[in-house]
Amino acid sequence: AAFLLPILAHMMRDGITASRFKELQEPECIIVAPTRELINQIYLEARKFSFG
């Protein structure tokens, strides 16, 4: 989960460019992992770091 901190810090510092009102939606970041289980773990950790 250590790689999440710089990603979240960058997003918080520079702001998030996506808006649900934009016609074209694009990701702010893509994280690739070999298994669905690992993706779920990363997702849960990212939520903890970003929402408190």
PDB file of N, CA and C in Angstrom:
ATOM      1  N   ALA A   1       0.817  -1.203   0.000  1.00  0.00           N
ATOM      2  CA  ALA A   1       0.000   0.000   0.000  1.00  0.00           C
ATOM      3  C   ALA A   1       0.855   1.258   0.000  1.00  0.00           C
ATOM      4  N   ALA A   2       2.164   1.100   0.109  1.00  0.00           N
ATOM      5  CA  ALA A   2       3.039   2.272   0.164  1.00  0.00           C
ATOM      6  C   ALA A   2       2.983   3.085  -1.124  1.00  0.00           C
ATOM      7  N   PHE A   3       2.720   2.451  -2.251  1.00  0.00           N
ATOM      8  CA  PHE A   3       2.650   3.191  -3.512  1.00  0.00           C
ATOM      9  C   PHE A   3       1.397   4.050  -3.604  1.00  0.00           C
ATOM     10  N   LEU A   4       0.404   3.782  -2.759  1.00  0.00           N
ATOM     11  CA  LEU A   4      -0.828   4.580  -2.782  1.00  0.00           C
ATOM     12  C   LEU A   4      -0.619   5.990  -2.240  1.00  0.00           C
ATOM     13  N   LEU A   5       0.267   6.139  -1.279  1.00  0.00           N
ATOM     14  CA  LEU A   5       0.461   7.455  -0.656  1.00  0.00           C
ATOM     15  C   LEU A   5       0.912   8.530  -1.644  1.00  0.00           C
ATOM     16  N   PRO A   6       1.916   8.283  -2.484  1.00  0.00           N
ATOM     17  CA  PRO A   6       2.283   9.320  -3.457  1.00  0.00           C
ATOM     18  C   PRO A   6       1.172   9.609  -4.468  1.00  0.00           C
ATOM     19  N   ILE A   7       0.434   8.587  -4.856  1.00  0.00           N
ATOM     20  CA  ILE A   7      -0.673   8.780  -5.803  1.00  0.00           C
ATOM     21  C   ILE A   7      -1.738   9.670  -5.187  1.00  0.00           C
ATOM     22  N   LEU A   8      -2.146   9.351  -3.964  1.00  0.00           N
ATOM     23  CA  LEU A   8      -3.178  10.146  -3.295  1.00  0.00           C
ATOM     24  C   LEU A   8      -2.681  11.557  -2.992  1.00  0.00           C
ATOM     25  N   ALA A   9      -1.415  11.686  -2.603  1.00  0.00           N
ATOM     26  CA  ALA A   9      -0.858  13.017  -2.330  1.00  0.00           C
ATOM     27  C   ALA A   9      -0.865  13.872  -3.595  1.00  0.00           C
ATOM     28  N   HIS A  10      -0.513  13.282  -4.710  1.00  0.00           N
ATOM     29  CA  HIS A  10      -0.522  14.001  -5.984  1.00  0.00           C
ATOM     30  C   HIS A  10      -1.938  14.447  -6.344  1.00  0.00           C
ATOM     31  N   MET A  11      -2.909  13.565  -6.160  1.00  0.00           N
ATOM     32  CA  MET A  11      -4.299  13.912  -6.474  1.00  0.00           C
ATOM     33  C   MET A  11      -4.823  15.010  -5.555  1.00  0.00           C
ATOM     34  N   MET A  12      -4.449  14.955  -4.292  1.00  0.00           N
ATOM     35  CA  MET A  12      -4.912  15.976  -3.352  1.00  0.00           C
ATOM     36  C   MET A  12      -4.223  17.322  -3.610  1.00  0.00           C
ATOM     37  N   ARG A  13      -2.952  17.276  -3.975  1.00  0.00           N
ATOM     38  CA  ARG A  13      -2.210  18.509  -4.224  1.00  0.00           C
ATOM     39  C   ARG A  13      -2.676  19.195  -5.516  1.00  0.00           C
ATOM     40  N   ASP A  14      -2.814  18.413  -6.590  1.00  0.00           N
ATOM     41  CA  ASP A  14      -3.139  18.988  -7.895  1.00  0.00           C
ATOM     42  C   ASP A  14      -4.633  19.016  -8.192  1.00  0.00           C
ATOM     43  N   GLY A  15      -5.414  18.355  -7.368  1.00  0.00           N
ATOM     44  CA  GLY A  15      -6.852  18.294  -7.610  1.00  0.00           C
ATOM     45  C   GLY A  15      -7.192  17.186  -8.595  1.00  0.00           C
ATOM     46  N   ILE A  16      -8.428  16.824  -8.599  1.00  0.00           N
ATOM     47  CA  ILE A  16      -8.919  15.780  -9.488  1.00  0.00           C
ATOM     48  C   ILE A  16      -9.587  16.467 -10.666  1.00  0.00           C
ATOM     49  N   THR A  17      -9.187  16.088 -11.870  1.00  0.00           N
ATOM     50  CA  THR A  17      -9.700  16.758 -13.060  1.00  0.00           C
ATOM     51  C   THR A  17     -11.030  16.190 -13.533  1.00  0.00           C
ATOM     52  N   ALA A  18     -11.370  14.996 -13.099  1.00  0.00           N
ATOM     53  CA  ALA A  18     -12.602  14.362 -13.566  1.00  0.00           C
ATOM     54  C   ALA A  18     -13.824  15.029 -12.953  1.00  0.00           C
ATOM     55  N   SER A  19     -14.866  15.046 -13.718  1.00  0.00           N
ATOM     56  CA  SER A  19     -16.146  15.562 -13.259  1.00  0.00           C
ATOM     57  C   SER A  19     -17.227  14.684 -13.858  1.00  0.00           C
ATOM     58  N   ARG A  20     -18.236  14.391 -13.109  1.00  0.00           N
ATOM     59  CA  ARG A  20     -19.281  13.528 -13.656  1.00  0.00           C
ATOM     60  C   ARG A  20     -20.124  14.259 -14.692  1.00  0.00           C
ATOM     61  N   PHE A  21     -19.896  15.565 -14.840  1.00  0.00           N
ATOM     62  CA  PHE A  21     -20.638  16.335 -15.830  1.00  0.00           C
ATOM     63  C   PHE A  21     -19.908  16.420 -17.171  1.00  0.00           C
ATOM     64  N   LYS A  22     -18.664  15.970 -17.198  1.00  0.00           N
ATOM     65  CA  LYS A  22     -17.913  15.990 -18.455  1.00  0.00           C
ATOM     66  C   LYS A  22     -18.435  14.895 -19.377  1.00  0.00           C
ATOM     67  N   GLU A  23     -18.430  15.185 -20.652  1.00  0.00           N
ATOM     68  CA  GLU A  23     -18.901  14.208 -21.633  1.00  0.00           C
ATOM     69  C   GLU A  23     -17.941  13.026 -21.733  1.00  0.00           C
ATOM     70  N   LEU A  24     -16.653  13.309 -21.687  1.00  0.00           N
ATOM     71  CA  LEU A  24     -15.636  12.267 -21.780  1.00  0.00           C
ATOM     72  C   LEU A  24     -15.059  12.008 -20.394  1.00  0.00           C
ATOM     73  N   GLN A  25     -15.180  10.786 -19.913  1.00  0.00           N
ATOM     74  CA  GLN A  25     -14.642  10.407 -18.610  1.00  0.00           C
ATOM     75  C   GLN A  25     -13.308   9.698 -18.811  1.00  0.00           C
ATOM     76  N   GLU A  26     -12.360   9.964 -17.941  1.00  0.00           N
ATOM     77  CA  GLU A  26     -11.051   9.327 -18.026  1.00  0.00           C
ATOM     78  C   GLU A  26     -10.521   9.075 -16.619  1.00  0.00           C
ATOM     79  N   PRO A  27      -9.728   8.011 -16.432  1.00  0.00           N
ATOM     80  CA  PRO A  27      -9.211   7.695 -15.097  1.00  0.00           C
ATOM     81  C   PRO A  27      -8.126   8.673 -14.656  1.00  0.00           C
ATOM     82  N   GLU A  28      -8.033   8.877 -13.366  1.00  0.00           N
ATOM     83  CA  GLU A  28      -6.959   9.686 -12.789  1.00  0.00           C
ATOM     84  C   GLU A  28      -5.705   8.839 -12.599  1.00  0.00           C
ATOM     85  N   CYS A  29      -5.902   7.553 -12.369  1.00  0.00           N
ATOM     86  CA  CYS A  29      -4.787   6.654 -12.093  1.00  0.00           C
ATOM     87  C   CYS A  29      -5.225   5.228 -12.428  1.00  0.00           C
ATOM     88  N   ILE A  30      -4.298   4.428 -12.908  1.00  0.00           N
ATOM     89  CA  ILE A  30      -4.578   3.015 -13.171  1.00  0.00           C
ATOM     90  C   ILE A  30      -3.586   2.192 -12.362  1.00  0.00           C
ATOM     91  N   ILE A  31      -4.110   1.258 -11.592  1.00  0.00           N
ATOM     92  CA  ILE A  31      -3.274   0.349 -10.809  1.00  0.00           C
ATOM     93  C   ILE A  31      -3.534  -1.059 -11.325  1.00  0.00           C
ATOM     94  N   VAL A  32      -2.480  -1.762 -11.679  1.00  0.00           N
ATOM     95  CA  VAL A  32      -2.590  -3.104 -12.239  1.00  0.00           C
ATOM     96  C   VAL A  32      -2.052  -4.100 -11.218  1.00  0.00           C
ATOM     97  N   ALA A  33      -2.809  -5.169 -10.997  1.00  0.00           N
ATOM     98  CA  ALA A  33      -2.391  -6.228 -10.076  1.00  0.00           C
ATOM     99  C   ALA A  33      -2.747  -7.576 -10.703  1.00  0.00           C
ATOM    100  N   PRO A  34      -2.051  -8.633 -10.306  1.00  0.00           N
ATOM    101  CA  PRO A  34      -2.244  -9.925 -10.963  1.00  0.00           C
ATOM    102  C   PRO A  34      -3.538 -10.663 -10.603  1.00  0.00           C
ATOM    103  N   THR A  35      -4.158 -10.358  -9.473  1.00  0.00           N
ATOM    104  CA  THR A  35      -5.360 -11.101  -9.088  1.00  0.00           C
ATOM    105  C   THR A  35      -6.465 -10.161  -8.626  1.00  0.00           C
ATOM    106  N   ARG A  36      -7.681 -10.642  -8.722  1.00  0.00           N
ATOM    107  CA  ARG A  36      -8.835  -9.865  -8.270  1.00  0.00           C
ATOM    108  C   ARG A  36      -8.780  -9.645  -6.760  1.00  0.00           C
ATOM    109  N   GLU A  37      -8.329 -10.645  -6.035  1.00  0.00           N
ATOM    110  CA  GLU A  37      -8.223 -10.524  -4.575  1.00  0.00           C
ATOM    111  C   GLU A  37      -7.266  -9.388  -4.190  1.00  0.00           C
ATOM    112  N   LEU A  38      -6.145  -9.304  -4.871  1.00  0.00           N
ATOM    113  CA  LEU A  38      -5.190  -8.234  -4.595  1.00  0.00           C
ATOM    114  C   LEU A  38      -5.775  -6.869  -4.964  1.00  0.00           C
ATOM    115  N   ILE A  39      -6.509  -6.802  -6.047  1.00  0.00           N
ATOM    116  CA  ILE A  39      -7.174  -5.547  -6.433  1.00  0.00           C
ATOM    117  C   ILE A  39      -8.151  -5.112  -5.342  1.00  0.00           C
ATOM    118  N   ASN A  40      -8.914  -6.047  -4.809  1.00  0.00           N
ATOM    119  CA  ASN A  40      -9.858  -5.713  -3.734  1.00  0.00           C
ATOM    120  C   ASN A  40      -9.127  -5.207  -2.494  1.00  0.00           C
ATOM    121  N   GLN A  41      -8.005  -5.821  -2.156  1.00  0.00           N
ATOM    122  CA  GLN A  41      -7.223  -5.363  -1.007  1.00  0.00           C
ATOM    123  C   GLN A  41      -6.686  -3.951  -1.238  1.00  0.00           C
ATOM    124  N   ILE A  42      -6.188  -3.694  -2.435  1.00  0.00           N
ATOM    125  CA  ILE A  42      -5.679  -2.358  -2.761  1.00  0.00           C
ATOM    126  C   ILE A  42      -6.807  -1.338  -2.701  1.00  0.00           C
ATOM    127  N   TYR A  43      -7.961  -1.698  -3.220  1.00  0.00           N
ATOM    128  CA  TYR A  43      -9.127  -0.806  -3.196  1.00  0.00           C
ATOM    129  C   TYR A  43      -9.514  -0.441  -1.761  1.00  0.00           C
ATOM    130  N   LEU A  44      -9.570  -1.439  -0.892  1.00  0.00           N
ATOM    131  CA  LEU A  44      -9.942  -1.186   0.502  1.00  0.00           C
ATOM    132  C   LEU A  44      -8.905  -0.299   1.199  1.00  0.00           C
ATOM    133  N   GLU A  45      -7.629  -0.533   0.935  1.00  0.00           N
ATOM    134  CA  GLU A  45      -6.580   0.305   1.520  1.00  0.00           C
ATOM    135  C   GLU A  45      -6.671   1.738   0.992  1.00  0.00           C
ATOM    136  N   ALA A  46      -6.928   1.884  -0.284  1.00  0.00           N
ATOM    137  CA  ALA A  46      -7.044   3.226  -0.866  1.00  0.00           C
ATOM    138  C   ALA A  46      -8.210   3.983  -0.240  1.00  0.00           C
ATOM    139  N   ARG A  47      -9.301   3.298   0.012  1.00  0.00           N
ATOM    140  CA  ARG A  47     -10.451   3.949   0.656  1.00  0.00           C
ATOM    141  C   ARG A  47     -10.094   4.395   2.072  1.00  0.00           C
ATOM    142  N   LYS A  48      -9.351   3.562   2.803  1.00  0.00           N
ATOM    143  CA  LYS A  48      -8.937   3.934   4.162  1.00  0.00           C
ATOM    144  C   LYS A  48      -8.077   5.196   4.146  1.00  0.00           C
ATOM    145  N   PHE A  49      -7.118   5.245   3.219  1.00  0.00           N
ATOM    146  CA  PHE A  49      -6.221   6.395   3.147  1.00  0.00           C
ATOM    147  C   PHE A  49      -6.943   7.652   2.685  1.00  0.00           C
ATOM    148  N   SER A  50      -7.888   7.514   1.776  1.00  0.00           N
ATOM    149  CA  SER A  50      -8.505   8.709   1.196  1.00  0.00           C
ATOM    150  C   SER A  50      -9.708   9.217   1.976  1.00  0.00           C
ATOM    151  N   PHE A  51     -10.431   8.333   2.656  1.00  0.00           N
ATOM    152  CA  PHE A  51     -11.629   8.758   3.383  1.00  0.00           C
ATOM    153  C   PHE A  51     -11.437   8.786   4.891  1.00  0.00           C
ATOM    154  N   GLY A  52     -10.302   8.337   5.376  1.00  0.00           N
ATOM    155  CA  GLY A  52     -10.024   8.406   6.808  1.00  0.00           C
ATOM    156  C   GLY A  52     -10.264   7.181   7.559  1.00  0.00           C
TER     157      GLY A  52
END
